[in-house]
């Protein structure tokens, strides 16, 4: 039985600066909207950057950080090519109470851990500015896999850091600040549009073996409280939609 550290945490991820292949073969995935029509960044402008398109990612189910091995097997790979996107914003909001001074809701914890506030962004997004926060680079790989590393896709690779501020249930006015980092890219899989109208789904899940779980494991930073788990494995899935007033699904075809 896996011990869940975070539950009921929802994610909104803004993606920008897509760099599509100059020429895609019939077996290479491309981002399409509507399905079958290649999304062309030459026609757009995102976050004041010309020739880019903003895309919103919405989680499927709950985002979880697991403190011990998860049961099950890894998804089976298919085929793939190359897509790149810089993730400018990673905003996590849950079903807990409203964060003091704001409108966002905290994530809900279990097993003696109270509500949590994840901090993931750099550059002042959502009032957050942590070292090694966003931007991150998402890049597709072979066999319908993808990686997320620290730094914009146009910059050098660096580690990813996030912070969890967890309320103590026994002392509601106190909290533990737990910092986690990962030096290498997180690895996941994506779902292609093999059927008409089938949404793109990107998933990060810890596998059943130590080697598979190592692809999504974060390590606690030096100086964390002894009450902070020493490490955790990330689990989440999200779809892609247009970043418009009426969101429309984006596909990987």
C-alpha atoms as a PDB file:
ATOM      1  CA  UNK A   1       0.000   0.000   0.000  1.00  0.00           C
ATOM      2  CA  UNK A   2       1.472   3.348  -1.019  1.00  0.00           C
ATOM      3  CA  UNK A   3       1.521   6.094   1.570  1.00  0.00           C
ATOM      4  CA  UNK A   4       0.122   9.271  -0.007  1.00  0.00           C
ATOM      5  CA  UNK A   5       1.721  12.534   1.007  1.00  0.00           C
ATOM      6  CA  UNK A   6      -0.347  14.819  -1.196  1.00  0.00           C
ATOM      7  CA  UNK A   7      -3.901  14.259  -2.417  1.00  0.00           C
ATOM      8  CA  UNK A   8      -6.643  16.396  -3.945  1.00  0.00           C
ATOM      9  CA  UNK A   9      -4.111  18.669  -5.628  1.00  0.00           C
ATOM     10  CA  UNK A  10      -5.053  20.110  -9.008  1.00  0.00           C
ATOM     11  CA  UNK A  11      -2.621  21.605 -11.521  1.00  0.00           C
ATOM     12  CA  UNK A  12      -2.826  24.286 -14.190  1.00  0.00           C
ATOM     13  CA  UNK A  13       0.291  24.409 -16.347  1.00  0.00           C
ATOM     14  CA  UNK A  14       0.785  27.175 -18.935  1.00  0.00           C
ATOM     15  CA  UNK A  15       2.981  26.121 -21.838  1.00  0.00           C
ATOM     16  CA  UNK A  16       4.554  28.493 -24.340  1.00  0.00           C
ATOM     17  CA  UNK A  17       7.221  28.799 -27.023  1.00  0.00           C
ATOM     18  CA  UNK A  18       6.494  25.611 -28.928  1.00  0.00           C
ATOM     19  CA  UNK A  19       9.245  24.589 -31.336  1.00  0.00           C
ATOM     20  CA  UNK A  20       7.783  22.145 -33.870  1.00  0.00           C
ATOM     21  CA  UNK A  21       9.858  19.973 -36.239  1.00  0.00           C
ATOM     22  CA  UNK A  22      10.600  21.584 -39.596  1.00  0.00           C
ATOM     23  CA  UNK A  23       9.216  18.497 -41.294  1.00  0.00           C
ATOM     24  CA  UNK A  24       7.336  15.704 -39.558  1.00  0.00           C
ATOM     25  CA  UNK A  25       7.118  12.192 -40.974  1.00  0.00           C
ATOM     26  CA  UNK A  26       3.925  10.168 -40.917  1.00  0.00           C
ATOM     27  CA  UNK A  27       5.053   8.416 -37.724  1.00  0.00           C
ATOM     28  CA  UNK A  28       6.271  11.509 -35.852  1.00  0.00           C
ATOM     29  CA  UNK A  29       3.894  13.229 -33.395  1.00  0.00           C
ATOM     30  CA  UNK A  30       2.896  16.858 -33.957  1.00  0.00           C
ATOM     31  CA  UNK A  31       0.659  19.154 -31.904  1.00  0.00           C
ATOM     32  CA  UNK A  32      -2.666  19.636 -33.714  1.00  0.00           C
ATOM     33  CA  UNK A  33      -5.733  21.882 -33.313  1.00  0.00           C
ATOM     34  CA  UNK A  34      -8.279  20.867 -34.428  1.00  0.00           C
ATOM     35  CA  UNK A  35      -7.185  17.264 -34.565  1.00  0.00           C
ATOM     36  CA  UNK A  36      -5.181  16.593 -37.716  1.00  0.00           C
ATOM     37  CA  UNK A  37      -4.325  20.271 -38.376  1.00  0.00           C
ATOM     38  CA  UNK A  38      -0.777  21.166 -37.298  1.00  0.00           C
ATOM     39  CA  UNK A  39      -0.656  23.995 -34.727  1.00  0.00           C
ATOM     40  CA  UNK A  40       1.568  26.711 -36.242  1.00  0.00           C
ATOM     41  CA  UNK A  41       3.404  28.990 -33.746  1.00  0.00           C
ATOM     42  CA  UNK A  42       4.329  31.356 -36.608  1.00  0.00           C
ATOM     43  CA  UNK A  43       0.814  32.810 -36.408  1.00  0.00           C
ATOM     44  CA  UNK A  44       0.672  33.482 -32.662  1.00  0.00           C
ATOM     45  CA  UNK A  45       2.069  35.572 -29.835  1.00  0.00           C
ATOM     46  CA  UNK A  46       2.351  34.279 -26.256  1.00  0.00           C
ATOM     47  CA  UNK A  47       3.495  36.186 -23.140  1.00  0.00           C
ATOM     48  CA  UNK A  48       4.690  39.001 -25.452  1.00  0.00           C
ATOM     49  CA  UNK A  49       6.864  36.595 -27.457  1.00  0.00           C
ATOM     50  CA  UNK A  50       6.012  36.627 -31.157  1.00  0.00           C
ATOM     51  CA  UNK A  51       5.686  33.377 -33.110  1.00  0.00           C
ATOM     52  CA  UNK A  52       4.652  31.392 -30.015  1.00  0.00           C
ATOM     53  CA  UNK A  53       1.377  29.854 -28.883  1.00  0.00           C
ATOM     54  CA  UNK A  54       0.183  29.506 -25.285  1.00  0.00           C
ATOM     55  CA  UNK A  55      -1.338  26.182 -24.292  1.00  0.00           C
ATOM     56  CA  UNK A  56      -2.926  25.297 -20.958  1.00  0.00           C
ATOM     57  CA  UNK A  57      -2.490  21.887 -19.338  1.00  0.00           C
ATOM     58  CA  UNK A  58      -5.113  20.571 -16.897  1.00  0.00           C
ATOM     59  CA  UNK A  59      -4.507  17.586 -14.644  1.00  0.00           C
ATOM     60  CA  UNK A  60      -6.461  14.345 -14.970  1.00  0.00           C
ATOM     61  CA  UNK A  61      -7.412  13.127 -11.498  1.00  0.00           C
ATOM     62  CA  UNK A  62      -5.230  13.993  -8.505  1.00  0.00           C
ATOM     63  CA  UNK A  63      -1.558  14.914  -8.477  1.00  0.00           C
ATOM     64  CA  UNK A  64       0.248  12.874  -5.813  1.00  0.00           C
ATOM     65  CA  UNK A  65       3.640  12.706  -4.164  1.00  0.00           C
ATOM     66  CA  UNK A  66       4.209   9.179  -2.859  1.00  0.00           C
ATOM     67  CA  UNK A  67       6.621   8.443  -0.063  1.00  0.00           C
ATOM     68  CA  UNK A  68       7.081   4.722  -0.744  1.00  0.00           C
ATOM     69  CA  UNK A  69       6.969   2.423  -3.812  1.00  0.00           C
ATOM     70  CA  UNK A  70       3.776   2.317  -5.824  1.00  0.00           C
ATOM     71  CA  UNK A  71       2.357  -0.971  -7.093  1.00  0.00           C
ATOM     72  CA  UNK A  72       1.586  -1.653 -10.742  1.00  0.00           C
ATOM     73  CA  UNK A  73       3.407  -1.629 -14.055  1.00  0.00           C
ATOM     74  CA  UNK A  74       4.642   1.120 -16.368  1.00  0.00           C
ATOM     75  CA  UNK A  75       2.683   2.153 -19.511  1.00  0.00           C
ATOM     76  CA  UNK A  76       3.660   0.372 -22.733  1.00  0.00           C
ATOM     77  CA  UNK A  77       5.610   2.563 -25.234  1.00  0.00           C
ATOM     78  CA  UNK A  78       4.505   3.349 -28.783  1.00  0.00           C
ATOM     79  CA  UNK A  79       6.400   5.454 -31.396  1.00  0.00           C
ATOM     80  CA  UNK A  80       7.305   9.105 -31.538  1.00  0.00           C
ATOM     81  CA  UNK A  81       9.294  12.109 -32.789  1.00  0.00           C
ATOM     82  CA  UNK A  82      10.188  15.485 -31.230  1.00  0.00           C
ATOM     83  CA  UNK A  83       8.092  18.305 -29.714  1.00  0.00           C
ATOM     84  CA  UNK A  84       9.530  20.987 -27.401  1.00  0.00           C
ATOM     85  CA  UNK A  85       7.784  23.502 -25.151  1.00  0.00           C
ATOM     86  CA  UNK A  86       8.930  25.853 -22.417  1.00  0.00           C
ATOM     87  CA  UNK A  87       6.727  25.644 -19.307  1.00  0.00           C
ATOM     88  CA  UNK A  88       6.511  29.186 -17.954  1.00  0.00           C
ATOM     89  CA  UNK A  89       3.988  28.506 -15.175  1.00  0.00           C
ATOM     90  CA  UNK A  90       3.154  25.514 -12.962  1.00  0.00           C
ATOM     91  CA  UNK A  91       0.291  26.417 -10.617  1.00  0.00           C
ATOM     92  CA  UNK A  92      -1.043  23.851  -8.142  1.00  0.00           C
ATOM     93  CA  UNK A  93      -4.340  24.403  -6.323  1.00  0.00           C
ATOM     94  CA  UNK A  94      -6.275  21.905  -4.210  1.00  0.00           C
ATOM     95  CA  UNK A  95      -9.498  21.477  -2.228  1.00  0.00           C
ATOM     96  CA  UNK A  96      -8.263  22.817   1.127  1.00  0.00           C
ATOM     97  CA  UNK A  97      -8.662  26.243   2.683  1.00  0.00           C
ATOM     98  CA  UNK A  98      -7.915  29.515   0.905  1.00  0.00           C
ATOM     99  CA  UNK A  99      -4.303  30.612   1.203  1.00  0.00           C
ATOM    100  CA  UNK A 100      -4.014  33.673   3.443  1.00  0.00           C
ATOM    101  CA  UNK A 101      -4.002  36.876   1.430  1.00  0.00           C
ATOM    102  CA  UNK A 102      -5.035  35.214  -1.817  1.00  0.00           C
ATOM    103  CA  UNK A 103      -7.774  33.270  -3.615  1.00  0.00           C
ATOM    104  CA  UNK A 104      -6.034  29.956  -4.270  1.00  0.00           C
ATOM    105  CA  UNK A 105      -6.911  26.837  -2.257  1.00  0.00           C
ATOM    106  CA  UNK A 106      -4.334  24.690  -0.503  1.00  0.00           C
ATOM    107  CA  UNK A 107      -3.742  21.008  -1.264  1.00  0.00           C
ATOM    108  CA  UNK A 108      -5.049  18.439   1.235  1.00  0.00           C
ATOM    109  CA  UNK A 109      -2.645  16.181   3.151  1.00  0.00           C
ATOM    110  CA  UNK A 110      -3.122  12.873   4.965  1.00  0.00           C
ATOM    111  CA  UNK A 111      -1.305  10.751   7.565  1.00  0.00           C
ATOM    112  CA  UNK A 112      -0.815  13.508  10.127  1.00  0.00           C
ATOM    113  CA  UNK A 113       0.092  16.155   7.555  1.00  0.00           C
ATOM    114  CA  UNK A 114      -2.198  19.166   7.233  1.00  0.00           C
ATOM    115  CA  UNK A 115      -2.987  21.332   4.241  1.00  0.00           C
ATOM    116  CA  UNK A 116      -0.091  22.180   1.936  1.00  0.00           C
ATOM    117  CA  UNK A 117       0.989  25.028  -0.298  1.00  0.00           C
ATOM    118  CA  UNK A 118       3.256  23.939  -3.189  1.00  0.00           C
ATOM    119  CA  UNK A 119       5.647  26.590  -4.542  1.00  0.00           C
ATOM    120  CA  UNK A 120       7.032  25.847  -8.007  1.00  0.00           C
ATOM    121  CA  UNK A 121       7.354  29.091  -9.955  1.00  0.00           C
ATOM    122  CA  UNK A 122      10.238  31.444 -10.569  1.00  0.00           C
ATOM    123  CA  UNK A 123      10.071  34.974 -11.934  1.00  0.00           C
ATOM    124  CA  UNK A 124       7.253  36.224  -9.713  1.00  0.00           C
ATOM    125  CA  UNK A 125       4.440  34.099 -11.192  1.00  0.00           C
ATOM    126  CA  UNK A 126       1.634  33.655  -8.615  1.00  0.00           C
ATOM    127  CA  UNK A 127       3.776  35.791  -6.287  1.00  0.00           C
ATOM    128  CA  UNK A 128       6.386  33.012  -6.229  1.00  0.00           C
ATOM    129  CA  UNK A 129      10.065  33.430  -7.060  1.00  0.00           C
ATOM    130  CA  UNK A 130      12.161  30.439  -6.020  1.00  0.00           C
ATOM    131  CA  UNK A 131      15.587  29.516  -7.334  1.00  0.00           C
ATOM    132  CA  UNK A 132      15.292  26.717  -9.921  1.00  0.00           C
ATOM    133  CA  UNK A 133      11.527  27.166 -10.181  1.00  0.00           C
ATOM    134  CA  UNK A 134       9.928  27.623 -13.613  1.00  0.00           C
ATOM    135  CA  UNK A 135      10.701  27.932 -16.472  1.00  0.00           C
ATOM    136  CA  UNK A 136      11.117  24.262 -17.294  1.00  0.00           C
ATOM    137  CA  UNK A 137      11.585  22.532 -20.646  1.00  0.00           C
ATOM    138  CA  UNK A 138       9.258  19.748 -21.848  1.00  0.00           C
ATOM    139  CA  UNK A 139      10.618  17.647 -24.720  1.00  0.00           C
ATOM    140  CA  UNK A 140       9.219  14.533 -26.378  1.00  0.00           C
ATOM    141  CA  UNK A 141      11.386  11.510 -27.043  1.00  0.00           C
ATOM    142  CA  UNK A 142      11.238   8.099 -28.669  1.00  0.00           C
ATOM    143  CA  UNK A 143       8.451   5.608 -27.936  1.00  0.00           C
ATOM    144  CA  UNK A 144       5.917   8.293 -26.906  1.00  0.00           C
ATOM    145  CA  UNK A 145       7.965   9.459 -23.929  1.00  0.00           C
ATOM    146  CA  UNK A 146       8.763  12.976 -22.726  1.00  0.00           C
ATOM    147  CA  UNK A 147      11.092  14.654 -20.236  1.00  0.00           C
ATOM    148  CA  UNK A 148      10.792  17.810 -18.110  1.00  0.00           C
ATOM    149  CA  UNK A 149      14.047  19.473 -17.020  1.00  0.00           C
ATOM    150  CA  UNK A 150      14.921  22.730 -15.312  1.00  0.00           C
ATOM    151  CA  UNK A 151      15.527  25.811 -17.483  1.00  0.00           C
ATOM    152  CA  UNK A 152      13.864  27.130 -20.654  1.00  0.00           C
ATOM    153  CA  UNK A 153      14.340  25.018 -23.787  1.00  0.00           C
ATOM    154  CA  UNK A 154      16.619  27.742 -25.166  1.00  0.00           C
ATOM    155  CA  UNK A 155      18.799  27.719 -22.014  1.00  0.00           C
ATOM    156  CA  UNK A 156      21.181  25.290 -20.340  1.00  0.00           C
ATOM    157  CA  UNK A 157      19.707  22.423 -18.325  1.00  0.00           C
ATOM    158  CA  UNK A 158      19.520  22.938 -14.546  1.00  0.00           C
ATOM    159  CA  UNK A 159      17.833  21.239 -11.595  1.00  0.00           C
ATOM    160  CA  UNK A 160      14.163  21.619 -10.636  1.00  0.00           C
ATOM    161  CA  UNK A 161      13.242  22.730  -7.111  1.00  0.00           C
ATOM    162  CA  UNK A 162       9.845  22.932  -5.422  1.00  0.00           C
ATOM    163  CA  UNK A 163       8.783  23.784  -1.884  1.00  0.00           C
ATOM    164  CA  UNK A 164       5.963  22.347   0.241  1.00  0.00           C
ATOM    165  CA  UNK A 165       4.674  24.370   3.194  1.00  0.00           C
ATOM    166  CA  UNK A 166       2.699  21.828   5.244  1.00  0.00           C
ATOM    167  CA  UNK A 167       0.505  22.812   8.188  1.00  0.00           C
ATOM    168  CA  UNK A 168       0.973  20.760  11.364  1.00  0.00           C
ATOM    169  CA  UNK A 169      -2.341  19.199  12.372  1.00  0.00           C
ATOM    170  CA  UNK A 170      -1.303  19.194  16.040  1.00  0.00           C
ATOM    171  CA  UNK A 171      -0.319  22.897  15.814  1.00  0.00           C
ATOM    172  CA  UNK A 172      -2.459  24.552  13.080  1.00  0.00           C
ATOM    173  CA  UNK A 173      -0.593  27.857  13.394  1.00  0.00           C
ATOM    174  CA  UNK A 174       2.739  26.174  12.617  1.00  0.00           C
ATOM    175  CA  UNK A 175       4.061  24.627   9.431  1.00  0.00           C
ATOM    176  CA  UNK A 176       7.029  22.718   8.072  1.00  0.00           C
ATOM    177  CA  UNK A 177       8.801  23.994   4.969  1.00  0.00           C
ATOM    178  CA  UNK A 178      10.071  21.032   2.952  1.00  0.00           C
ATOM    179  CA  UNK A 179      12.262  21.676  -0.094  1.00  0.00           C
ATOM    180  CA  UNK A 180      12.792  19.078  -2.827  1.00  0.00           C
ATOM    181  CA  UNK A 181      15.081  19.019  -5.838  1.00  0.00           C
ATOM    182  CA  UNK A 182      15.969  16.915  -8.853  1.00  0.00           C
ATOM    183  CA  UNK A 183      19.130  17.398 -10.907  1.00  0.00           C
ATOM    184  CA  UNK A 184      18.094  15.319 -13.939  1.00  0.00           C
ATOM    185  CA  UNK A 185      14.933  15.440 -16.040  1.00  0.00           C
ATOM    186  CA  UNK A 186      11.649  13.873 -14.906  1.00  0.00           C
ATOM    187  CA  UNK A 187      10.481  11.219 -17.382  1.00  0.00           C
ATOM    188  CA  UNK A 188       6.915  10.431 -18.464  1.00  0.00           C
ATOM    189  CA  UNK A 189       4.758   9.149 -21.340  1.00  0.00           C
ATOM    190  CA  UNK A 190       2.140  10.752 -23.597  1.00  0.00           C
ATOM    191  CA  UNK A 191      -0.924   9.485 -25.452  1.00  0.00           C
ATOM    192  CA  UNK A 192      -1.208  10.126 -29.184  1.00  0.00           C
ATOM    193  CA  UNK A 193      -4.410  10.853 -31.093  1.00  0.00           C
ATOM    194  CA  UNK A 194      -4.845   7.280 -32.344  1.00  0.00           C
ATOM    195  CA  UNK A 195      -8.615   7.793 -32.507  1.00  0.00           C
ATOM    196  CA  UNK A 196     -10.449  10.854 -33.832  1.00  0.00           C
ATOM    197  CA  UNK A 197     -11.105  13.339 -31.018  1.00  0.00           C
ATOM    198  CA  UNK A 198      -8.907  11.572 -28.457  1.00  0.00           C
ATOM    199  CA  UNK A 199      -7.280  14.186 -26.197  1.00  0.00           C
ATOM    200  CA  UNK A 200      -3.552  14.320 -25.609  1.00  0.00           C
ATOM    201  CA  UNK A 201      -2.738  13.012 -22.115  1.00  0.00           C
ATOM    202  CA  UNK A 202       0.735  13.388 -20.590  1.00  0.00           C
ATOM    203  CA  UNK A 203       1.494  11.209 -17.568  1.00  0.00           C
ATOM    204  CA  UNK A 204       4.253  11.001 -14.967  1.00  0.00           C
ATOM    205  CA  UNK A 205       3.961   7.861 -12.839  1.00  0.00           C
ATOM    206  CA  UNK A 206       6.394   5.957 -10.605  1.00  0.00           C
ATOM    207  CA  UNK A 207       6.989   2.453 -11.925  1.00  0.00           C
ATOM    208  CA  UNK A 208       7.071  -0.833 -10.014  1.00  0.00           C
ATOM    209  CA  UNK A 209      10.876  -1.135  -9.903  1.00  0.00           C
ATOM    210  CA  UNK A 210      13.560   0.998  -8.272  1.00  0.00           C
ATOM    211  CA  UNK A 211      14.941   1.945 -11.698  1.00  0.00           C
ATOM    212  CA  UNK A 212      11.514   3.072 -12.939  1.00  0.00           C
ATOM    213  CA  UNK A 213      10.751   5.069  -9.775  1.00  0.00           C
ATOM    214  CA  UNK A 214      14.124   6.821 -10.095  1.00  0.00           C
ATOM    215  CA  UNK A 215      12.743   8.599 -13.191  1.00  0.00           C
ATOM    216  CA  UNK A 216      10.306  10.619 -11.025  1.00  0.00           C
ATOM    217  CA  UNK A 217      12.034  10.800  -7.619  1.00  0.00           C
ATOM    218  CA  UNK A 218      12.833  14.119  -5.881  1.00  0.00           C
ATOM    219  CA  UNK A 219      15.254  14.358  -2.952  1.00  0.00           C
ATOM    220  CA  UNK A 220      14.816  16.543   0.126  1.00  0.00           C
ATOM    221  CA  UNK A 221      17.305  19.410   0.353  1.00  0.00           C
ATOM    222  CA  UNK A 222      19.863  19.703   3.145  1.00  0.00           C
ATOM    223  CA  UNK A 223      18.411  21.619   6.085  1.00  0.00           C
ATOM    224  CA  UNK A 224      14.882  20.200   5.855  1.00  0.00           C
ATOM    225  CA  UNK A 225      13.080  19.374   9.101  1.00  0.00           C
ATOM    226  CA  UNK A 226      13.306  15.750  10.236  1.00  0.00           C
ATOM    227  CA  UNK A 227       9.519  15.700   9.776  1.00  0.00           C
ATOM    228  CA  UNK A 228       9.959  16.137   6.003  1.00  0.00           C
ATOM    229  CA  UNK A 229      10.153  12.858   4.043  1.00  0.00           C
ATOM    230  CA  UNK A 230      13.684  12.325   2.724  1.00  0.00           C
ATOM    231  CA  UNK A 231      12.445  11.788  -0.828  1.00  0.00           C
ATOM    232  CA  UNK A 232       9.270  11.393  -2.836  1.00  0.00           C
ATOM    233  CA  UNK A 233       8.126  10.165  -6.252  1.00  0.00           C
ATOM    234  CA  UNK A 234       5.869  12.327  -8.412  1.00  0.00           C
ATOM    235  CA  UNK A 235       2.606  11.109  -9.979  1.00  0.00           C
ATOM    236  CA  UNK A 236       0.387  13.227 -12.211  1.00  0.00           C
ATOM    237  CA  UNK A 237      -1.455  13.249 -15.560  1.00  0.00           C
ATOM    238  CA  UNK A 238      -2.692  16.259 -17.529  1.00  0.00           C
ATOM    239  CA  UNK A 239      -4.375  17.165 -20.816  1.00  0.00           C
ATOM    240  CA  UNK A 240      -3.592  20.111 -23.097  1.00  0.00           C
ATOM    241  CA  UNK A 241      -6.051  22.849 -24.067  1.00  0.00           C
ATOM    242  CA  UNK A 242      -5.938  26.223 -25.791  1.00  0.00           C
ATOM    243  CA  UNK A 243      -5.306  29.093 -23.362  1.00  0.00           C
ATOM    244  CA  UNK A 244      -8.489  30.947 -24.359  1.00  0.00           C
ATOM    245  CA  UNK A 245     -11.726  32.048 -22.670  1.00  0.00           C
ATOM    246  CA  UNK A 246     -13.383  28.920 -24.072  1.00  0.00           C
ATOM    247  CA  UNK A 247     -10.709  26.234 -23.846  1.00  0.00           C
ATOM    248  CA  UNK A 248     -10.545  23.694 -26.670  1.00  0.00           C
ATOM    249  CA  UNK A 249      -8.596  20.411 -26.585  1.00  0.00           C
ATOM    250  CA  UNK A 250      -5.161  20.092 -28.200  1.00  0.00           C
ATOM    251  CA  UNK A 251      -4.045  16.783 -29.658  1.00  0.00           C
ATOM    252  CA  UNK A 252      -0.769  14.982 -30.346  1.00  0.00           C
ATOM    253  CA  UNK A 253      -1.209  13.260 -33.712  1.00  0.00           C
END
